[in-house]
Amino acid sequence: MSSDAIDPAKVTDQGAGRCALAGDLTLATADGLWKQLQGSDLLRTAISVDASQVGKSDSAGLALLVAWRAARQKAGGDLLITHLPERLSALARLTDAEAIVSG
């Protein structure tokens, strides 16, 4: 795989409200992941998401996490995002979204 290849983002249900993200979380992959979330109960029922396996990321990936947390809060709960990659953490700090994605 070349360094320019896209590794589509995917979410895996790990049971008991936990899930994991893997792959690239970018403009090129965020729409597909959002559709995957909409097709599952995780958008409304996940309580934690492990982002340790996220590869490339950008502002679209951050926006997806913010939207996911907002959807979860609208459903009456919250979403804890753990192991946020440094690139996403830095972007969250720059955009004042750190509190939103860190819980």
Protein backbone atom coordinates (compact mmCIF):
# COMPACT_ATOMS: atom_id res chain seq x y z
CA MET A 1 0.00 0.00 0.00
CA SER A 2 1.43 3.36 -0.95
CA SER A 3 1.48 6.23 1.50
CA ASP A 4 -1.24 7.92 -0.60
CA ALA A 5 -3.68 4.99 -0.38
CA ILE A 6 -6.88 5.58 1.56
CA ASP A 7 -7.71 3.18 4.36
CA PRO A 8 -11.50 3.58 4.74
CA ALA A 9 -12.68 4.31 8.24
CA LYS A 10 -14.84 1.72 9.90
CA VAL A 11 -16.48 1.30 13.26
CA THR A 12 -16.64 -2.01 15.08
CA ASP A 13 -19.22 -2.74 17.77
CA GLN A 14 -17.43 -4.29 20.75
CA GLY A 15 -20.58 -4.80 22.80
CA ALA A 16 -21.88 -3.15 25.97
CA GLY A 17 -21.95 0.28 24.30
CA ARG A 18 -18.27 0.20 23.36
CA CYS A 19 -16.93 0.48 19.84
CA ALA A 20 -13.66 1.10 18.03
CA LEU A 21 -12.70 3.23 15.05
CA ALA A 22 -10.05 2.11 12.59
CA GLY A 23 -8.67 3.45 9.33
CA ASP A 24 -8.37 6.97 7.96
CA LEU A 25 -10.78 9.57 9.32
CA THR A 26 -10.64 12.20 6.58
CA LEU A 27 -12.82 14.08 4.12
CA ALA A 28 -12.51 11.10 1.79
CA THR A 29 -13.83 8.63 4.39
CA ALA A 30 -16.03 10.59 6.80
CA ASP A 31 -19.21 10.37 4.70
CA GLY A 32 -18.93 6.58 4.41
CA LEU A 33 -18.39 6.23 8.15
CA TRP A 34 -21.33 8.53 8.91
CA LYS A 35 -23.54 6.36 6.69
CA GLN A 36 -22.26 3.27 8.51
CA LEU A 37 -23.13 4.88 11.85
CA GLN A 38 -26.59 5.89 10.62
CA GLY A 39 -27.20 2.30 9.53
CA SER A 40 -26.40 1.00 13.00
CA ASP A 41 -27.61 1.73 16.50
CA LEU A 42 -24.16 3.03 17.50
CA LEU A 43 -24.96 6.61 16.52
CA ARG A 44 -27.52 6.71 19.32
CA THR A 45 -26.35 4.00 21.74
CA ALA A 46 -22.55 3.94 21.86
CA ILE A 47 -21.15 5.15 25.17
CA SER A 48 -17.45 4.98 24.28
CA VAL A 49 -15.35 4.85 21.15
CA ASP A 50 -11.68 3.89 21.03
CA ALA A 51 -9.91 5.93 18.35
CA SER A 52 -6.46 4.36 18.83
CA GLN A 53 -6.53 2.66 15.41
CA VAL A 54 -7.32 5.83 13.44
CA GLY A 55 -4.67 6.49 10.80
CA LYS A 56 -4.76 9.71 8.79
CA SER A 57 -7.17 12.35 10.05
CA ASP A 58 -8.31 15.86 9.24
CA SER A 59 -10.99 18.39 10.12
CA ALA A 60 -13.72 16.27 8.50
CA GLY A 61 -12.82 13.44 10.86
CA LEU A 62 -12.98 15.81 13.81
CA ALA A 63 -16.35 17.11 12.61
CA LEU A 64 -17.66 13.55 12.42
CA LEU A 65 -16.65 12.89 16.04
CA VAL A 66 -18.27 16.15 17.17
CA ALA A 67 -21.47 15.27 15.27
CA TRP A 68 -21.49 11.73 16.68
CA ARG A 69 -21.17 13.03 20.22
CA ALA A 70 -23.93 15.60 19.57
CA ALA A 71 -26.23 12.87 18.20
CA ARG A 72 -25.54 10.75 21.26
CA GLN A 73 -26.32 13.66 23.58
CA LYS A 74 -29.53 14.36 21.68
CA ALA A 75 -30.50 10.73 22.31
CA GLY A 76 -30.05 11.33 26.04
CA GLY A 77 -26.56 9.99 26.63
CA ASP A 78 -22.95 10.87 26.05
CA LEU A 79 -20.03 9.54 24.03
CA LEU A 80 -16.58 9.19 25.54
CA ILE A 81 -13.87 9.31 22.87
CA THR A 82 -10.69 7.60 24.05
CA HIS A 83 -7.19 7.37 22.60
CA LEU A 84 -7.68 10.28 20.23
CA PRO A 85 -4.65 10.43 17.90
CA GLU A 86 -2.33 13.38 18.46
CA ARG A 87 -3.21 14.96 15.11
CA LEU A 88 -6.92 15.04 16.00
CA SER A 89 -6.14 16.25 19.53
CA ALA A 90 -4.06 19.11 18.15
CA LEU A 91 -6.76 20.02 15.65
CA ALA A 92 -9.36 19.98 18.43
CA ARG A 93 -7.19 22.33 20.50
CA LEU A 94 -6.75 24.71 17.55
CA THR A 95 -10.48 24.85 16.87
CA ASP A 96 -11.61 25.06 20.50
CA ALA A 97 -13.31 21.66 20.12
CA GLU A 98 -11.09 19.92 22.67
CA ALA A 99 -13.76 19.91 25.38
CA ILE A 100 -16.29 18.55 22.92
CA VAL A 101 -14.25 15.50 21.92
CA SER A 102 -12.56 14.87 25.25
CA GLY A 103 -15.74 14.63 27.29
